[in-house]
């Protein structure tokens, strides 16, 4: 019996993809580095510093760790400013309905996100007090595909991985869920990934899967 659902944040509970892209694109343009949506897709589920390394692959200049940290901070400042455009209307009725039904059924809900902006985003969209546990990028040392963030969320809930399903939109997130021995559910890009256990078109589809498990 499934006792909890651990959600990735970006691309599952809400979509911040366009803000990430705009922030990375602005930084790339300032550095004179080629960057497009195809490269941006490689950044999904990846930590900020690892994402920066991918962006700088096409740079002729070599940057020191200190310089990279400054660039990553600059990108995050741009990104957080863009996040001011988010509010309670940034969450779909499908997501809100699903969270309500899960809670009514007594199933715990948690966030497992590599983002260090998780709490800020949840506050912007009005869901900062909705989840029973939150594990994010400020609490982990290893990014997905390492399962650390999901294992931490499960630990905070006092459940074992096989008591939980993980809902992800990125391949790295699915890999993390699988390696942590969680039941993986994929939406959007992750729904087309061969390693995904269950595939859904909308978040509320997880209700049918949970009923079967």
C-alpha atoms as a PDB file:
ATOM      1  CA  UNK A   1       0.000   0.000   0.000  1.00  0.00           C
ATOM      2  CA  UNK A   2       1.293   3.434  -0.968  1.00  0.00           C
ATOM      3  CA  UNK A   3       1.521   5.770   2.016  1.00  0.00           C
ATOM      4  CA  UNK A   4       3.060   8.875   0.428  1.00  0.00           C
ATOM      5  CA  UNK A   5       3.594  10.775  -2.803  1.00  0.00           C
ATOM      6  CA  UNK A   6       6.832  12.693  -3.267  1.00  0.00           C
ATOM      7  CA  UNK A   7       6.562  15.373  -5.931  1.00  0.00           C
ATOM      8  CA  UNK A   8       9.297  17.116  -7.813  1.00  0.00           C
ATOM      9  CA  UNK A   9       8.469  20.827  -7.821  1.00  0.00           C
ATOM     10  CA  UNK A  10       9.512  22.390 -11.127  1.00  0.00           C
ATOM     11  CA  UNK A  11       7.511  20.912 -13.998  1.00  0.00           C
ATOM     12  CA  UNK A  12       5.190  18.891 -11.754  1.00  0.00           C
ATOM     13  CA  UNK A  13       3.542  21.069  -9.085  1.00  0.00           C
ATOM     14  CA  UNK A  14       4.160  24.223 -11.113  1.00  0.00           C
ATOM     15  CA  UNK A  15       6.164  25.238 -14.154  1.00  0.00           C
ATOM     16  CA  UNK A  16       9.201  27.458 -13.802  1.00  0.00           C
ATOM     17  CA  UNK A  17      10.887  26.211 -16.972  1.00  0.00           C
ATOM     18  CA  UNK A  18      10.392  29.442 -18.884  1.00  0.00           C
ATOM     19  CA  UNK A  19      11.960  31.473 -16.063  1.00  0.00           C
ATOM     20  CA  UNK A  20      14.963  29.155 -15.883  1.00  0.00           C
ATOM     21  CA  UNK A  21      15.403  29.436 -19.627  1.00  0.00           C
ATOM     22  CA  UNK A  22      15.099  33.227 -19.631  1.00  0.00           C
ATOM     23  CA  UNK A  23      17.623  33.550 -16.799  1.00  0.00           C
ATOM     24  CA  UNK A  24      20.189  31.189 -18.352  1.00  0.00           C
ATOM     25  CA  UNK A  25      19.694  32.811 -21.778  1.00  0.00           C
ATOM     26  CA  UNK A  26      20.277  36.290 -20.356  1.00  0.00           C
ATOM     27  CA  UNK A  27      23.464  35.101 -18.640  1.00  0.00           C
ATOM     28  CA  UNK A  28      24.668  33.313 -21.788  1.00  0.00           C
ATOM     29  CA  UNK A  29      24.035  36.391 -23.933  1.00  0.00           C
ATOM     30  CA  UNK A  30      26.025  38.546 -21.503  1.00  0.00           C
ATOM     31  CA  UNK A  31      28.907  36.049 -21.696  1.00  0.00           C
ATOM     32  CA  UNK A  32      28.663  35.745 -25.474  1.00  0.00           C
ATOM     33  CA  UNK A  33      27.960  32.014 -25.245  1.00  0.00           C
ATOM     34  CA  UNK A  34      25.533  30.209 -27.555  1.00  0.00           C
ATOM     35  CA  UNK A  35      22.486  28.904 -25.673  1.00  0.00           C
ATOM     36  CA  UNK A  36      19.152  27.593 -26.932  1.00  0.00           C
ATOM     37  CA  UNK A  37      16.186  25.523 -25.738  1.00  0.00           C
ATOM     38  CA  UNK A  38      17.857  22.268 -26.718  1.00  0.00           C
ATOM     39  CA  UNK A  39      20.768  23.003 -24.382  1.00  0.00           C
ATOM     40  CA  UNK A  40      18.305  24.216 -21.756  1.00  0.00           C
ATOM     41  CA  UNK A  41      16.568  20.817 -21.820  1.00  0.00           C
ATOM     42  CA  UNK A  42      19.822  19.240 -20.640  1.00  0.00           C
ATOM     43  CA  UNK A  43      19.604  21.309 -17.459  1.00  0.00           C
ATOM     44  CA  UNK A  44      16.335  19.798 -16.202  1.00  0.00           C
ATOM     45  CA  UNK A  45      16.775  18.166 -12.827  1.00  0.00           C
ATOM     46  CA  UNK A  46      20.433  19.220 -12.689  1.00  0.00           C
ATOM     47  CA  UNK A  47      22.013  21.364  -9.964  1.00  0.00           C
ATOM     48  CA  UNK A  48      22.795  25.031 -10.569  1.00  0.00           C
ATOM     49  CA  UNK A  49      26.576  24.579 -10.745  1.00  0.00           C
ATOM     50  CA  UNK A  50      26.295  21.540 -13.010  1.00  0.00           C
ATOM     51  CA  UNK A  51      23.897  23.500 -15.230  1.00  0.00           C
ATOM     52  CA  UNK A  52      26.428  26.327 -15.425  1.00  0.00           C
ATOM     53  CA  UNK A  53      29.114  23.862 -16.518  1.00  0.00           C
ATOM     54  CA  UNK A  54      26.844  22.689 -19.342  1.00  0.00           C
ATOM     55  CA  UNK A  55      26.198  26.286 -20.405  1.00  0.00           C
ATOM     56  CA  UNK A  56      29.943  27.042 -20.388  1.00  0.00           C
ATOM     57  CA  UNK A  57      30.801  24.051 -22.588  1.00  0.00           C
ATOM     58  CA  UNK A  58      30.664  26.390 -25.587  1.00  0.00           C
ATOM     59  CA  UNK A  59      32.649  29.139 -23.923  1.00  0.00           C
ATOM     60  CA  UNK A  60      36.164  29.862 -25.161  1.00  0.00           C
ATOM     61  CA  UNK A  61      37.076  31.279 -21.759  1.00  0.00           C
ATOM     62  CA  UNK A  62      37.961  29.088 -18.790  1.00  0.00           C
ATOM     63  CA  UNK A  63      36.432  30.207 -15.505  1.00  0.00           C
ATOM     64  CA  UNK A  64      37.762  29.667 -12.000  1.00  0.00           C
ATOM     65  CA  UNK A  65      35.549  28.154  -9.307  1.00  0.00           C
ATOM     66  CA  UNK A  66      35.172  31.583  -7.736  1.00  0.00           C
ATOM     67  CA  UNK A  67      34.078  33.093 -11.053  1.00  0.00           C
ATOM     68  CA  UNK A  68      31.628  30.247 -11.600  1.00  0.00           C
ATOM     69  CA  UNK A  69      30.106  30.809  -8.196  1.00  0.00           C
ATOM     70  CA  UNK A  70      29.596  34.476  -9.055  1.00  0.00           C
ATOM     71  CA  UNK A  71      27.981  33.536 -12.385  1.00  0.00           C
ATOM     72  CA  UNK A  72      25.684  31.019 -10.701  1.00  0.00           C
ATOM     73  CA  UNK A  73      24.653  33.661  -8.163  1.00  0.00           C
ATOM     74  CA  UNK A  74      23.979  36.135 -10.966  1.00  0.00           C
ATOM     75  CA  UNK A  75      21.788  33.616 -12.777  1.00  0.00           C
ATOM     76  CA  UNK A  76      19.873  32.906  -9.575  1.00  0.00           C
ATOM     77  CA  UNK A  77      19.334  36.615  -8.939  1.00  0.00           C
ATOM     78  CA  UNK A  78      17.867  36.995 -12.439  1.00  0.00           C
ATOM     79  CA  UNK A  79      15.742  33.877 -11.926  1.00  0.00           C
ATOM     80  CA  UNK A  80      14.370  34.940  -8.521  1.00  0.00           C
ATOM     81  CA  UNK A  81      13.410  38.311  -9.949  1.00  0.00           C
ATOM     82  CA  UNK A  82      11.454  36.529 -12.703  1.00  0.00           C
ATOM     83  CA  UNK A  83       9.756  34.325 -10.107  1.00  0.00           C
ATOM     84  CA  UNK A  84       7.979  37.418  -8.829  1.00  0.00           C
ATOM     85  CA  UNK A  85       5.606  36.830 -11.751  1.00  0.00           C
ATOM     86  CA  UNK A  86       4.335  33.654 -10.046  1.00  0.00           C
ATOM     87  CA  UNK A  87       1.306  33.563  -7.750  1.00  0.00           C
ATOM     88  CA  UNK A  88      -1.496  31.221  -6.674  1.00  0.00           C
ATOM     89  CA  UNK A  89      -2.751  31.153 -10.269  1.00  0.00           C
ATOM     90  CA  UNK A  90       0.492  29.439 -11.304  1.00  0.00           C
ATOM     91  CA  UNK A  91      -0.838  26.128  -9.946  1.00  0.00           C
ATOM     92  CA  UNK A  92      -3.366  24.224 -12.039  1.00  0.00           C
ATOM     93  CA  UNK A  93      -6.735  23.160 -10.668  1.00  0.00           C
ATOM     94  CA  UNK A  94      -5.727  19.576 -11.517  1.00  0.00           C
ATOM     95  CA  UNK A  95      -2.743  19.760  -9.133  1.00  0.00           C
ATOM     96  CA  UNK A  96      -4.786  21.395  -6.366  1.00  0.00           C
ATOM     97  CA  UNK A  97      -7.554  18.816  -6.705  1.00  0.00           C
ATOM     98  CA  UNK A  98      -5.028  15.966  -6.570  1.00  0.00           C
ATOM     99  CA  UNK A  99      -3.361  17.283  -3.424  1.00  0.00           C
ATOM    100  CA  UNK A 100      -6.760  17.680  -1.771  1.00  0.00           C
ATOM    101  CA  UNK A 101      -7.841  14.115  -2.612  1.00  0.00           C
ATOM    102  CA  UNK A 102      -4.552  12.610  -1.448  1.00  0.00           C
ATOM    103  CA  UNK A 103      -4.806  14.386   1.887  1.00  0.00           C
ATOM    104  CA  UNK A 104      -8.426  13.315   2.257  1.00  0.00           C
ATOM    105  CA  UNK A 105      -7.354   9.710   1.692  1.00  0.00           C
ATOM    106  CA  UNK A 106      -4.721  10.028   4.412  1.00  0.00           C
ATOM    107  CA  UNK A 107      -1.813   9.787   1.975  1.00  0.00           C
ATOM    108  CA  UNK A 108       1.122  12.006   2.906  1.00  0.00           C
ATOM    109  CA  UNK A 109       2.504  14.460   0.350  1.00  0.00           C
ATOM    110  CA  UNK A 110       6.053  15.756   0.122  1.00  0.00           C
ATOM    111  CA  UNK A 111       8.346  17.767  -2.107  1.00  0.00           C
ATOM    112  CA  UNK A 112      11.659  16.340  -3.336  1.00  0.00           C
ATOM    113  CA  UNK A 113      13.374  19.063  -5.351  1.00  0.00           C
ATOM    114  CA  UNK A 114      17.000  19.869  -6.145  1.00  0.00           C
ATOM    115  CA  UNK A 115      16.100  23.555  -6.315  1.00  0.00           C
ATOM    116  CA  UNK A 116      17.474  25.848  -3.625  1.00  0.00           C
ATOM    117  CA  UNK A 117      14.545  28.170  -4.383  1.00  0.00           C
ATOM    118  CA  UNK A 118      11.930  25.604  -3.365  1.00  0.00           C
ATOM    119  CA  UNK A 119      10.575  27.456  -0.328  1.00  0.00           C
ATOM    120  CA  UNK A 120      10.488  30.778  -2.158  1.00  0.00           C
ATOM    121  CA  UNK A 121       8.516  29.219  -5.028  1.00  0.00           C
ATOM    122  CA  UNK A 122       6.104  27.466  -2.667  1.00  0.00           C
ATOM    123  CA  UNK A 123       5.498  30.762  -0.889  1.00  0.00           C
ATOM    124  CA  UNK A 124       4.855  32.538  -4.195  1.00  0.00           C
ATOM    125  CA  UNK A 125       2.257  29.940  -5.247  1.00  0.00           C
ATOM    126  CA  UNK A 126       0.640  29.692  -1.810  1.00  0.00           C
ATOM    127  CA  UNK A 127       1.565  26.066  -1.057  1.00  0.00           C
ATOM    128  CA  UNK A 128       4.283  26.577   1.569  1.00  0.00           C
ATOM    129  CA  UNK A 129       2.097  25.003   4.287  1.00  0.00           C
ATOM    130  CA  UNK A 130       0.563  22.288   2.124  1.00  0.00           C
ATOM    131  CA  UNK A 131       3.169  19.511   2.301  1.00  0.00           C
ATOM    132  CA  UNK A 132       3.941  17.091   5.123  1.00  0.00           C
ATOM    133  CA  UNK A 133       7.665  17.198   4.322  1.00  0.00           C
ATOM    134  CA  UNK A 134       9.970  19.239   2.105  1.00  0.00           C
ATOM    135  CA  UNK A 135      13.433  18.153   0.969  1.00  0.00           C
ATOM    136  CA  UNK A 136      15.256  20.573  -1.313  1.00  0.00           C
ATOM    137  CA  UNK A 137      18.591  21.703  -2.672  1.00  0.00           C
ATOM    138  CA  UNK A 138      19.528  23.511   0.537  1.00  0.00           C
ATOM    139  CA  UNK A 139      19.518  20.217   2.452  1.00  0.00           C
ATOM    140  CA  UNK A 140      21.422  17.857   0.146  1.00  0.00           C
ATOM    141  CA  UNK A 141      24.956  17.464  -1.186  1.00  0.00           C
ATOM    142  CA  UNK A 142      24.186  15.299  -4.231  1.00  0.00           C
ATOM    143  CA  UNK A 143      21.887  16.251  -7.096  1.00  0.00           C
ATOM    144  CA  UNK A 144      19.690  13.929  -9.124  1.00  0.00           C
ATOM    145  CA  UNK A 145      20.231  11.286 -10.496  1.00  0.00           C
ATOM    146  CA  UNK A 146      21.451  10.570  -6.974  1.00  0.00           C
ATOM    147  CA  UNK A 147      18.376   9.642  -4.875  1.00  0.00           C
ATOM    148  CA  UNK A 148      19.464  11.677  -1.831  1.00  0.00           C
ATOM    149  CA  UNK A 149      16.665  14.253  -2.015  1.00  0.00           C
ATOM    150  CA  UNK A 150      13.950  11.579  -2.283  1.00  0.00           C
ATOM    151  CA  UNK A 151      15.499   9.473   0.477  1.00  0.00           C
ATOM    152  CA  UNK A 152      15.551  12.563   2.690  1.00  0.00           C
ATOM    153  CA  UNK A 153      11.876  13.285   1.947  1.00  0.00           C
ATOM    154  CA  UNK A 154      10.947   9.682   2.807  1.00  0.00           C
ATOM    155  CA  UNK A 155      12.992   9.861   6.008  1.00  0.00           C
ATOM    156  CA  UNK A 156      11.204  13.061   7.041  1.00  0.00           C
ATOM    157  CA  UNK A 157       7.899  11.243   6.509  1.00  0.00           C
ATOM    158  CA  UNK A 158       9.168   8.214   8.475  1.00  0.00           C
ATOM    159  CA  UNK A 159       8.480   5.923   5.526  1.00  0.00           C
ATOM    160  CA  UNK A 160      10.572   3.474   3.529  1.00  0.00           C
ATOM    161  CA  UNK A 161      11.095   4.114  -0.221  1.00  0.00           C
ATOM    162  CA  UNK A 162       8.778   1.247  -1.174  1.00  0.00           C
ATOM    163  CA  UNK A 163       5.992   3.027   0.735  1.00  0.00           C
ATOM    164  CA  UNK A 164       6.270   6.018  -1.627  1.00  0.00           C
ATOM    165  CA  UNK A 165       5.775   6.969  -5.244  1.00  0.00           C
ATOM    166  CA  UNK A 166       7.831   9.741  -6.844  1.00  0.00           C
ATOM    167  CA  UNK A 167       6.338  12.007  -9.506  1.00  0.00           C
ATOM    168  CA  UNK A 168       8.933  13.489 -11.860  1.00  0.00           C
ATOM    169  CA  UNK A 169       9.130  15.334 -15.171  1.00  0.00           C
ATOM    170  CA  UNK A 170      12.857  14.820 -15.823  1.00  0.00           C
ATOM    171  CA  UNK A 171      14.819  11.708 -16.788  1.00  0.00           C
ATOM    172  CA  UNK A 172      17.410  12.396 -14.081  1.00  0.00           C
ATOM    173  CA  UNK A 173      14.599  12.457 -11.542  1.00  0.00           C
ATOM    174  CA  UNK A 174      13.272   9.110 -12.728  1.00  0.00           C
ATOM    175  CA  UNK A 175      16.771   7.646 -12.487  1.00  0.00           C
ATOM    176  CA  UNK A 176      17.022   9.020  -8.949  1.00  0.00           C
ATOM    177  CA  UNK A 177      13.669   7.528  -7.963  1.00  0.00           C
ATOM    178  CA  UNK A 178      14.516   4.138  -9.438  1.00  0.00           C
ATOM    179  CA  UNK A 179      17.961   3.971  -7.838  1.00  0.00           C
ATOM    180  CA  UNK A 180      16.397   4.864  -4.488  1.00  0.00           C
ATOM    181  CA  UNK A 181      13.887   2.010  -4.971  1.00  0.00           C
ATOM    182  CA  UNK A 182      10.859   4.249  -5.171  1.00  0.00           C
ATOM    183  CA  UNK A 183       7.983   3.661  -7.573  1.00  0.00           C
ATOM    184  CA  UNK A 184       8.602   6.167 -10.382  1.00  0.00           C
ATOM    185  CA  UNK A 185       5.819   8.048 -12.150  1.00  0.00           C
ATOM    186  CA  UNK A 186       6.711  10.233 -15.116  1.00  0.00           C
ATOM    187  CA  UNK A 187       4.936  13.243 -16.573  1.00  0.00           C
ATOM    188  CA  UNK A 188       5.860  15.479 -19.538  1.00  0.00           C
ATOM    189  CA  UNK A 189       9.406  14.565 -20.728  1.00  0.00           C
ATOM    190  CA  UNK A 190       9.700  11.751 -18.188  1.00  0.00           C
ATOM    191  CA  UNK A 191       6.550  10.125 -19.572  1.00  0.00           C
ATOM    192  CA  UNK A 192       8.523   9.257 -22.709  1.00  0.00           C
ATOM    193  CA  UNK A 193      11.482   7.805 -20.804  1.00  0.00           C
ATOM    194  CA  UNK A 194      11.975   4.051 -21.069  1.00  0.00           C
ATOM    195  CA  UNK A 195      13.014   3.721 -17.401  1.00  0.00           C
ATOM    196  CA  UNK A 196       9.777   5.257 -16.105  1.00  0.00           C
ATOM    197  CA  UNK A 197       7.594   2.730 -14.292  1.00  0.00           C
ATOM    198  CA  UNK A 198       4.257   4.501 -14.768  1.00  0.00           C
ATOM    199  CA  UNK A 199       3.416   7.249 -17.263  1.00  0.00           C
ATOM    200  CA  UNK A 200       0.803   9.960 -16.823  1.00  0.00           C
ATOM    201  CA  UNK A 201      -0.547  12.848 -18.874  1.00  0.00           C
ATOM    202  CA  UNK A 202      -1.791  14.925 -15.944  1.00  0.00           C
ATOM    203  CA  UNK A 203      -1.021  14.901 -12.230  1.00  0.00           C
ATOM    204  CA  UNK A 204      -4.457  13.584 -11.204  1.00  0.00           C
ATOM    205  CA  UNK A 205      -3.713  10.369 -13.148  1.00  0.00           C
ATOM    206  CA  UNK A 206      -1.566   9.289 -10.183  1.00  0.00           C
ATOM    207  CA  UNK A 207      -4.776   8.659  -8.222  1.00  0.00           C
ATOM    208  CA  UNK A 208      -5.642   5.714 -10.477  1.00  0.00           C
ATOM    209  CA  UNK A 209      -2.120   4.311 -10.185  1.00  0.00           C
ATOM    210  CA  UNK A 210      -2.126   4.558  -6.388  1.00  0.00           C
ATOM    211  CA  UNK A 211      -5.466   2.742  -6.243  1.00  0.00           C
ATOM    212  CA  UNK A 212      -3.909  -0.143  -8.198  1.00  0.00           C
ATOM    213  CA  UNK A 213      -0.752  -0.432  -6.077  1.00  0.00           C
END
